[in-house]
Amino acid sequence: MARVANRGPFARLAGAGSVWAGGLLAIVLSLAGASKEASAEHFDLGSFVPSLTRCDPADADTATATGVPACSLVKFTSDCDGHPDTALKLGPKSKATYRVRPSGRKLTRKLGRIDLRSVFKTKDLQTCQGVPYTGQLGALTDFRMTLNDPACAGGLCSVPEVSVEYTLECKKGKCKGAQDANDILTAGGAPALPTELPWTGVASTFDVLDLAGNRLLTPGLLLARDKNAPRPGFPKIASKWESRVVPPYEPCPAAGADTTTTQGRAACSTPVRLSDCGSDPDNAVLTDPGPGFRKLRYLKSRKGLMAVGRFVGLLSCSGRPYSGPLTLQTLYRATFKDAACAGGMCTAVDQVVSSAVVAEDGRAKFKEPFVTLADGVEWVSVEIIDASITDASGNAMLAGHGFLVRCNSGGDGLCFGN
């Protein structure tokens, strides 16, 4: 991929007219010693909301109560009108959640490798005819990896996107799936995830699919004035998006691969961080290699939807603790039950909210309103498409969904999740 001046959080998304992937998954393995924080396992977890088609600004025919251009045609990507035999929908009592974790020390030792396990749960999932669904569903994750690998040219390389499709078993509207990504990869003849090498990864897709493989559910939240009011096709509860965040690298296009990993994967040599000291030494922000706490949450509160973050171990290019401006950038898609919209409901054009963050002595902490309900708005469903922290030049220096896995610096070199 060609370098661009501003390598922000949304540069990797598809162009206009496509349905952008919802949700991000990030994985980090780094060489460091153990600490009290590193001894505990941490989960990425959150709620699902139904995936909606994008409102192209050129097609906007109405506006929300706050004046945001919107489309009065609210269309699910799993569309019962166009595909009644393969589409699915959420019932009035529905709830859908996910949880992702890498294995901790004990399980990693037992298995002899990293276990990257995802757990998906839904209830009150229905066919287009309103019958509780029984059968199987797929859940898809696409992610990129950047490895510290001596087999790669330069010792550091990035791998083109890896796809993992999980299986959910559904019975009478209740679905559950709990699988390890390694089991799925090796069963399909692909290399397992690295176990003895430090690496980072960021995923562009984390969604549940319908029977035709169309996006059905994607990470997000729902805010409503009346929790008991009916919202056809939307969940009754969707209250949390929680993730560690990690330094993102430029992606490796398959056509650009020029080296090979220890496991035999094609890769691109010498990948560059989006917030890069080589090209922007005055504004790039790094993170120390230790087990520093870096987490981003979107959650419900009495004031609406809030963005909450806490980051430590932030460094300037000189290696000193960083003090200065940062920005939380959130790309989201919102669907409103809004009296101001034509027909009373609309999907707004995708929006970016920029929230100022100030780091002091290598630390940053914030709690900012994200979405509130204006007068005349009964509820809003929010898909979190992309989220990251950018440096003063607008380049992403941390991105989520994320959790941390690291390798012991000595002894057995064990890699484990925390």
Protein backbone atom coordinates (compact mmCIF):
# COMPACT_ATOMS: atom_id res chain seq x y z
CA MET A 1 0.00 0.00 0.00
CA ALA A 2 1.33 3.43 -0.90
CA ARG A 3 2.26 5.68 1.99
CA VAL A 4 -0.06 8.63 2.58
CA ALA A 5 0.60 11.81 4.49
CA ASN A 6 -2.08 11.16 7.10
CA ARG A 7 -2.21 7.54 8.16
CA GLY A 8 -5.27 7.87 10.37
CA PRO A 9 -7.58 5.26 11.85
CA PHE A 10 -9.91 4.98 8.85
CA ALA A 11 -7.44 4.86 5.94
CA ARG A 12 -7.76 1.08 5.59
CA LEU A 13 -11.56 1.01 5.26
CA ALA A 14 -13.32 0.29 1.97
CA GLY A 15 -14.24 3.17 -0.31
CA ALA A 16 -17.56 4.89 -0.74
CA GLY A 17 -20.48 2.70 -1.75
CA SER A 18 -19.37 -0.38 0.15
CA VAL A 19 -20.53 -1.67 3.51
CA TRP A 20 -17.58 -1.08 5.82
CA ALA A 21 -16.48 -3.77 8.21
CA GLY A 22 -17.71 -3.32 11.76
CA GLY A 23 -15.51 -3.77 14.78
CA LEU A 24 -11.78 -4.31 15.23
CA LEU A 25 -9.80 -7.01 16.96
CA ALA A 26 -6.19 -6.39 17.96
CA ILE A 27 -3.69 -8.88 19.33
CA VAL A 28 -0.24 -8.13 20.71
CA LEU A 29 2.66 -10.34 21.67
CA SER A 30 5.76 -8.58 23.00
CA LEU A 31 8.95 -9.53 24.76
CA ALA A 32 8.84 -8.49 28.39
CA GLY A 33 9.11 -9.83 31.89
CA ALA A 34 6.08 -10.72 33.99
CA SER A 35 4.32 -8.26 36.27
CA LYS A 36 1.32 -8.31 38.57
CA GLU A 37 -0.84 -6.93 35.78
CA ALA A 38 0.60 -9.38 33.26
CA SER A 39 -0.37 -12.35 35.44
CA ALA A 40 -4.11 -11.79 34.95
CA GLU A 41 -6.12 -12.57 31.83
CA HIS A 42 -8.07 -9.78 30.16
CA PHE A 43 -10.97 -10.12 27.75
CA ASP A 44 -12.19 -8.14 24.79
CA LEU A 45 -15.94 -8.14 25.10
CA GLY A 46 -18.98 -6.30 23.84
CA SER A 47 -22.47 -6.27 22.41
CA PHE A 48 -23.69 -6.86 18.89
CA VAL A 49 -26.23 -4.74 17.02
CA PRO A 50 -27.71 -5.47 13.58
CA SER A 51 -25.57 -4.41 10.64
CA LEU A 52 -27.11 -1.62 8.54
CA THR A 53 -26.28 -0.56 4.99
CA ARG A 54 -24.33 2.67 4.72
CA CYS A 55 -26.21 5.90 4.00
CA ASP A 56 -24.33 7.49 1.14
CA PRO A 57 -24.31 11.28 1.60
CA ALA A 58 -25.54 11.61 -1.99
CA ASP A 59 -28.64 9.56 -1.08
CA ALA A 60 -29.50 11.39 2.14
CA ASP A 61 -33.14 12.50 1.97
CA THR A 62 -33.83 13.54 5.56
CA ALA A 63 -32.02 14.66 8.71
CA THR A 64 -31.91 13.75 12.40
CA ALA A 65 -33.10 15.99 15.24
CA THR A 66 -29.56 17.38 15.49
CA GLY A 67 -29.37 18.13 11.75
CA VAL A 68 -27.18 15.22 10.63
CA PRO A 69 -27.99 14.16 7.02
CA ALA A 70 -29.65 10.74 6.94
CA CYS A 71 -31.45 8.18 4.78
CA SER A 72 -35.08 7.39 5.54
CA LEU A 73 -34.61 3.93 4.02
CA VAL A 74 -33.30 1.85 6.94
CA LYS A 75 -32.01 -1.39 5.44
CA PHE A 76 -30.36 -4.31 7.21
CA THR A 77 -27.47 -5.98 5.39
CA SER A 78 -29.23 -9.25 6.27
CA ASP A 79 -32.34 -8.20 4.36
CA CYS A 80 -35.62 -10.04 4.91
CA ASP A 81 -37.31 -8.09 2.10
CA GLY A 82 -34.79 -9.12 -0.53
CA HIS A 83 -33.69 -12.52 0.83
CA PRO A 84 -36.45 -13.98 3.04
CA ASP A 85 -35.02 -17.51 2.92
CA THR A 86 -31.47 -16.70 4.05
CA ALA A 87 -31.76 -13.49 6.08
CA LEU A 88 -32.32 -13.53 9.85
CA LYS A 89 -33.48 -10.94 12.37
CA LEU A 90 -33.41 -10.16 16.07
CA GLY A 91 -36.62 -10.62 18.06
CA PRO A 92 -38.06 -8.24 20.71
CA LYS A 93 -36.20 -9.95 23.59
CA SER A 94 -32.90 -10.30 21.80
CA LYS A 95 -29.39 -9.86 23.11
CA ALA A 96 -26.11 -10.74 21.37
CA THR A 97 -22.62 -10.62 22.87
CA TYR A 98 -19.04 -11.67 22.17
CA ARG A 99 -15.87 -12.27 24.17
CA VAL A 100 -12.35 -12.89 22.92
CA ARG A 101 -9.28 -13.89 24.90
CA PRO A 102 -5.81 -15.34 24.43
CA SER A 103 -4.86 -18.16 26.80
CA GLY A 104 -3.04 -17.33 30.03
CA ARG A 105 0.07 -18.98 31.41
CA LYS A 106 -1.59 -22.13 32.77
CA LEU A 107 -3.65 -23.00 29.68
CA THR A 108 -0.83 -22.10 27.29
CA ARG A 109 1.53 -24.47 29.11
CA LYS A 110 -1.10 -27.22 29.04
CA LEU A 111 -1.84 -26.83 25.32
CA GLY A 112 1.73 -26.10 24.25
CA ARG A 113 0.55 -23.12 22.18
CA ILE A 114 -1.48 -19.91 22.33
CA ASP A 115 -5.23 -20.50 22.39
CA LEU A 116 -7.11 -17.55 20.86
CA ARG A 117 -10.69 -18.31 21.85
CA SER A 118 -13.82 -16.44 20.81
CA VAL A 119 -17.21 -16.92 22.46
CA PHE A 120 -20.38 -15.73 20.72
CA LYS A 121 -23.88 -15.80 22.24
CA THR A 122 -27.27 -14.66 20.96
CA LYS A 123 -30.85 -15.10 22.11
CA ASP A 124 -34.18 -14.53 20.36
CA LEU A 125 -32.74 -14.87 16.86
CA GLN A 126 -35.53 -15.43 14.33
CA THR A 127 -36.12 -16.31 10.71
CA CYS A 128 -37.77 -13.69 8.52
CA GLN A 129 -41.07 -15.47 9.23
CA GLY A 130 -40.67 -14.87 12.98
CA VAL A 131 -39.79 -18.49 13.86
CA PRO A 132 -36.98 -19.02 16.44
CA TYR A 133 -33.94 -20.06 14.40
CA THR A 134 -32.43 -23.55 14.70
CA GLY A 135 -29.31 -24.40 12.70
CA GLN A 136 -25.78 -23.06 12.25
CA LEU A 137 -24.33 -19.59 11.74
CA GLY A 138 -20.88 -18.31 10.86
CA ALA A 139 -18.90 -15.56 12.62
CA LEU A 140 -16.01 -14.02 10.69
CA THR A 141 -12.79 -12.38 11.87
CA ASP A 142 -10.21 -10.95 9.46
CA PHE A 143 -6.94 -9.76 10.98
CA ARG A 144 -3.43 -8.71 10.05
CA MET A 145 -0.27 -9.77 11.86
CA THR A 146 3.10 -8.07 12.33
CA LEU A 147 5.80 -10.41 13.64
CA ASN A 148 9.25 -10.11 15.14
CA ASP A 149 10.55 -13.06 13.14
CA PRO A 150 14.23 -13.76 12.36
CA ALA A 151 13.16 -15.58 9.19
CA CYS A 152 11.79 -12.35 7.72
CA ALA A 153 13.98 -9.91 5.86
CA GLY A 154 14.95 -7.30 8.44
CA GLY A 155 13.58 -9.38 11.33
CA LEU A 156 10.16 -7.68 11.27
CA CYS A 157 7.36 -8.36 8.81
CA SER A 158 3.61 -8.04 8.30
CA VAL A 159 1.29 -10.74 6.99
CA PRO A 160 -1.68 -10.14 4.67
CA GLU A 161 -5.08 -10.53 6.29
CA VAL A 162 -5.89 -13.91 7.81
CA SER A 163 -9.55 -14.98 7.87
CA VAL A 164 -11.06 -17.18 10.58
CA GLU A 165 -14.71 -18.28 10.40
CA TYR A 166 -16.25 -19.61 13.60
CA THR A 167 -19.40 -21.75 13.84
CA LEU A 168 -22.37 -20.97 16.07
CA GLU A 169 -24.88 -23.68 16.93
CA CYS A 170 -28.44 -22.36 17.29
CA LYS A 171 -31.46 -24.00 18.87
CA LYS A 172 -34.84 -22.30 19.17
CA GLY A 173 -33.34 -18.85 18.75
CA LYS A 174 -30.43 -19.31 21.17
CA CYS A 175 -26.98 -19.48 19.55
CA LYS A 176 -23.57 -20.15 21.02
CA GLY A 177 -20.11 -20.72 19.66
CA ALA A 178 -16.79 -21.13 21.51
CA GLN A 179 -13.79 -22.02 19.36
CA ASP A 180 -10.04 -21.49 19.13
CA ALA A 181 -8.77 -19.73 16.01
CA ASN A 182 -5.82 -22.16 15.81
CA ASP A 183 -8.13 -25.18 15.56
CA ILE A 184 -10.00 -23.56 12.69
CA LEU A 185 -6.85 -22.50 10.84
CA THR A 186 -5.10 -25.86 11.07
CA ALA A 187 -8.27 -27.76 10.14
CA GLY A 188 -8.33 -25.74 6.92
CA GLY A 189 -4.68 -26.50 6.18
CA ALA A 190 -3.38 -23.04 7.17
CA PRO A 191 -0.50 -22.42 9.60
CA ALA A 192 -1.47 -21.94 13.24
CA LEU A 193 -0.95 -18.59 14.95
CA PRO A 194 2.64 -18.02 16.12
CA THR A 195 3.33 -19.45 19.57
CA GLU A 196 7.03 -18.72 20.13
CA LEU A 197 7.34 -15.35 18.39
CA PRO A 198 6.24 -11.89 19.55
CA TRP A 199 3.73 -10.33 17.14
CA THR A 200 0.96 -7.78 16.85
CA GLY A 201 -2.29 -7.96 14.95
CA VAL A 202 -5.29 -5.81 14.06
CA ALA A 203 -8.52 -7.20 12.61
CA SER A 204 -10.84 -5.38 10.23
CA THR A 205 -13.85 -7.70 10.59
CA PHE A 206 -15.56 -9.18 13.63
CA ASP A 207 -19.13 -10.04 12.62
CA VAL A 208 -21.85 -12.71 12.74
CA LEU A 209 -23.10 -13.78 9.29
CA ASP A 210 -26.51 -14.91 8.05
CA LEU A 211 -27.24 -18.05 6.00
CA ALA A 212 -26.05 -16.42 2.77
CA GLY A 213 -22.85 -15.08 4.34
CA ASN A 214 -24.12 -11.50 4.60
CA ARG A 215 -23.27 -9.49 7.69
CA LEU A 216 -25.99 -9.97 10.31
CA LEU A 217 -24.51 -8.58 13.55
CA THR A 218 -21.61 -6.23 14.23
CA PRO A 219 -20.17 -4.71 17.45
CA GLY A 220 -22.12 -1.73 18.77
CA LEU A 221 -24.39 -0.25 21.41
CA LEU A 222 -28.00 0.82 21.84
CA LEU A 223 -29.29 3.77 23.85
CA ALA A 224 -33.04 4.10 24.61
CA ARG A 225 -35.31 6.22 26.76
CA ASP A 226 -37.55 3.26 27.60
CA LYS A 227 -35.75 -0.07 27.95
CA ASN A 228 -39.05 -1.96 27.57
CA ALA A 229 -40.24 -0.23 24.40
CA PRO A 230 -40.33 -2.44 21.26
CA ARG A 231 -37.61 -1.90 18.64
CA PRO A 232 -38.32 -4.34 15.79
CA GLY A 233 -35.11 -5.86 14.43
CA PHE A 234 -32.87 -4.29 17.08
CA PRO A 235 -31.69 -5.82 20.37
CA LYS A 236 -33.35 -5.15 23.69
CA ILE A 237 -29.91 -4.69 25.28
CA ALA A 238 -26.55 -3.68 23.77
CA SER A 239 -24.53 -1.90 26.42
CA LYS A 240 -20.77 -2.36 26.05
CA TRP A 241 -17.75 -2.28 23.72
CA GLU A 242 -14.48 -2.89 25.56
CA SER A 243 -11.02 -3.42 24.16
CA ARG A 244 -7.32 -3.10 24.70
CA VAL A 245 -5.66 -0.86 22.11
CA VAL A 246 -2.30 -1.46 20.41
CA PRO A 247 0.07 0.26 17.96
CA PRO A 248 -1.14 -0.33 14.37
CA TYR A 249 1.14 -0.90 11.38
CA GLU A 250 0.62 -0.30 7.69
CA PRO A 251 -1.13 -3.29 6.08
CA CYS A 252 0.60 -5.81 3.83
CA PRO A 253 -1.21 -6.32 0.50
CA ALA A 254 -0.87 -9.86 -0.83
CA ALA A 255 0.71 -8.53 -4.05
CA GLY A 256 3.37 -6.71 -2.02
CA ALA A 257 4.73 -9.75 -0.15
CA ASP A 258 8.53 -9.97 -0.49
CA THR A 259 9.57 -12.31 2.34
CA THR A 260 8.40 -15.39 4.27
CA THR A 261 7.78 -16.06 7.97
CA THR A 262 9.11 -19.01 9.98
CA GLN A 263 5.73 -20.69 9.46
CA GLY A 264 5.88 -20.22 5.70
CA ARG A 265 3.40 -17.37 5.40
CA ALA A 266 4.03 -14.79 2.67
CA ALA A 267 4.81 -11.41 4.27
CA CYS A 268 5.99 -7.85 3.66
CA SER A 269 9.35 -6.82 5.13
CA THR A 270 10.04 -3.73 7.26
CA PRO A 271 6.45 -2.65 8.04
CA VAL A 272 6.04 0.88 9.39
CA ARG A 273 3.94 2.03 12.33
CA LEU A 274 1.24 4.50 11.40
CA SER A 275 2.63 6.83 14.07
CA ASP A 276 6.25 6.63 12.93
CA CYS A 277 9.33 8.31 14.42
CA GLY A 278 11.22 7.89 11.16
CA SER A 279 8.87 10.13 9.17
CA ASP A 280 7.44 12.30 11.96
CA PRO A 281 9.92 12.50 14.88
CA ASP A 282 8.28 15.60 16.40
CA ASN A 283 4.74 14.22 16.73
CA ALA A 284 4.86 10.41 16.63
CA VAL A 285 3.97 8.68 19.91
CA LEU A 286 5.25 5.22 20.87
CA THR A 287 4.37 2.79 23.66
CA ASP A 288 6.84 1.09 25.97
CA PRO A 289 7.32 -2.71 25.59
CA GLY A 290 6.05 -3.46 29.10
CA PRO A 291 2.59 -4.61 30.24
CA GLY A 292 1.17 -1.08 30.40
CA PHE A 293 -2.58 -0.76 30.77
CA ARG A 294 -4.11 0.62 27.57
CA LYS A 295 -7.87 0.12 27.28
CA LEU A 296 -10.75 1.81 25.46
CA ARG A 297 -14.43 1.39 26.32
CA TYR A 298 -17.72 2.59 24.88
CA LEU A 299 -20.58 2.08 27.32
CA LYS A 300 -23.97 3.31 28.47
CA SER A 301 -24.32 5.82 31.27
CA ARG A 302 -27.03 8.11 32.57
CA LYS A 303 -25.67 10.84 30.30
CA GLY A 304 -25.84 8.69 27.15
CA LEU A 305 -23.11 6.69 25.48
CA MET A 306 -19.64 7.42 26.85
CA ALA A 307 -16.11 6.86 25.57
CA VAL A 308 -13.74 5.96 28.41
CA GLY A 309 -10.01 5.42 28.05
CA ARG A 310 -6.90 4.89 30.12
CA PHE A 311 -3.39 4.58 28.68
CA VAL A 312 0.05 4.35 30.28
CA GLY A 313 3.56 3.87 28.93
CA LEU A 314 3.29 6.54 26.20
CA LEU A 315 6.69 7.69 24.87
CA SER A 316 7.99 10.43 22.63
CA CYS A 317 10.51 9.58 19.91
CA SER A 318 13.29 10.63 22.30
CA GLY A 319 12.27 7.80 24.63
CA ARG A 320 11.00 10.14 27.36
CA PRO A 321 7.42 9.92 28.74
CA TYR A 322 5.12 11.74 26.34
CA SER A 323 3.18 14.85 27.37
CA GLY A 324 1.00 16.55 24.80
CA PRO A 325 -2.17 16.34 22.70
CA LEU A 326 -3.82 13.17 21.40
CA THR A 327 -7.23 12.62 19.80
CA LEU A 328 -9.77 9.81 20.13
CA GLN A 329 -11.20 9.24 16.65
CA THR A 330 -14.41 7.20 16.43
CA LEU A 331 -16.08 6.28 13.15
CA TYR A 332 -19.64 5.10 13.72
CA ARG A 333 -22.96 4.45 11.98
CA ALA A 334 -26.15 5.37 13.85
CA THR A 335 -29.80 4.48 13.24
CA PHE A 336 -32.38 6.59 15.05
CA LYS A 337 -36.03 6.29 16.04
CA ASP A 338 -36.37 10.02 15.60
CA ALA A 339 -39.48 12.18 15.10
CA ALA A 340 -37.42 14.54 12.93
CA CYS A 341 -36.66 11.81 10.36
CA ALA A 342 -38.96 11.21 7.41
CA GLY A 343 -41.07 8.22 8.44
CA GLY A 344 -39.84 8.47 12.04
CA MET A 345 -36.68 6.38 11.53
CA CYS A 346 -33.44 6.93 9.66
CA THR A 347 -29.80 5.88 9.32
CA ALA A 348 -27.43 8.84 9.48
CA VAL A 349 -24.42 9.20 7.23
CA ASP A 350 -21.32 7.70 8.85
CA GLN A 351 -19.82 10.16 11.30
CA VAL A 352 -16.41 10.71 12.89
CA VAL A 353 -16.32 12.08 16.42
CA SER A 354 -13.01 13.61 17.49
CA SER A 355 -12.44 13.91 21.24
CA ALA A 356 -9.42 15.78 22.59
CA VAL A 357 -7.17 13.79 24.93
CA VAL A 358 -4.20 15.20 26.87
CA ALA A 359 -1.29 12.99 27.91
CA GLU A 360 0.85 13.94 30.88
CA ASP A 361 4.08 12.17 31.82
CA GLY A 362 3.30 9.15 29.63
CA ARG A 363 -0.29 8.72 30.84
CA ALA A 364 -3.71 9.68 29.50
CA LYS A 365 -7.16 9.22 30.98
CA PHE A 366 -10.55 10.47 29.78
CA LYS A 367 -14.33 10.04 29.96
CA GLU A 368 -16.21 11.81 27.21
CA PRO A 369 -19.89 11.86 26.05
CA PHE A 370 -20.17 10.04 22.75
CA VAL A 371 -23.89 9.97 21.82
CA THR A 372 -26.87 11.48 23.66
CA LEU A 373 -30.59 11.40 22.92
CA ALA A 374 -31.92 14.69 21.57
CA ASP A 375 -35.54 15.75 22.10
CA GLY A 376 -37.84 13.59 19.99
CA VAL A 377 -35.37 10.69 19.76
CA GLU A 378 -36.65 7.46 21.35
CA TRP A 379 -33.58 5.32 20.75
CA VAL A 380 -30.39 5.05 18.72
CA SER A 381 -28.41 1.98 17.60
CA VAL A 382 -24.69 2.67 17.08
CA GLU A 383 -22.28 0.48 15.10
CA ILE A 384 -18.65 1.10 16.11
CA ILE A 385 -16.86 0.88 12.76
CA ASP A 386 -13.41 2.05 13.80
CA ALA A 387 -11.75 3.53 16.87
CA SER A 388 -8.22 4.76 17.49
CA ILE A 389 -6.04 7.29 19.27
CA THR A 390 -4.16 9.60 16.90
CA ASP A 391 -1.04 11.69 17.44
CA ALA A 392 -0.76 15.43 16.79
CA SER A 393 -0.29 14.77 13.06
CA GLY A 394 -3.48 12.72 12.86
CA ASN A 395 -1.74 9.35 12.51
CA ALA A 396 -3.10 6.42 14.51
CA MET A 397 -0.78 5.45 17.38
CA LEU A 398 -3.20 3.07 19.16
CA ALA A 399 -6.10 1.06 17.74
CA GLY A 400 -8.66 -1.44 19.05
CA HIS A 401 -10.29 -4.00 19.46
CA GLY A 402 -7.33 -5.16 21.49
CA PHE A 403 -5.89 -7.48 24.08
CA LEU A 404 -2.37 -8.31 25.15
CA VAL A 405 -0.30 -11.48 24.85
CA ARG A 406 3.41 -11.45 25.62
CA CYS A 407 6.47 -13.71 25.78
CA ASN A 408 8.76 -14.25 28.75
CA SER A 409 12.09 -12.51 28.19
CA GLY A 410 14.08 -15.43 29.60
CA GLY A 411 13.74 -19.05 30.62
CA ASP A 412 11.24 -20.97 28.56
CA GLY A 413 10.22 -17.97 26.44
CA LEU A 414 6.56 -18.83 27.04
CA CYS A 415 4.01 -16.61 25.26
CA PHE A 416 0.74 -16.14 27.13
CA GLY A 417 -2.33 -13.92 27.28
CA ASN A 418 -3.10 -11.36 29.95
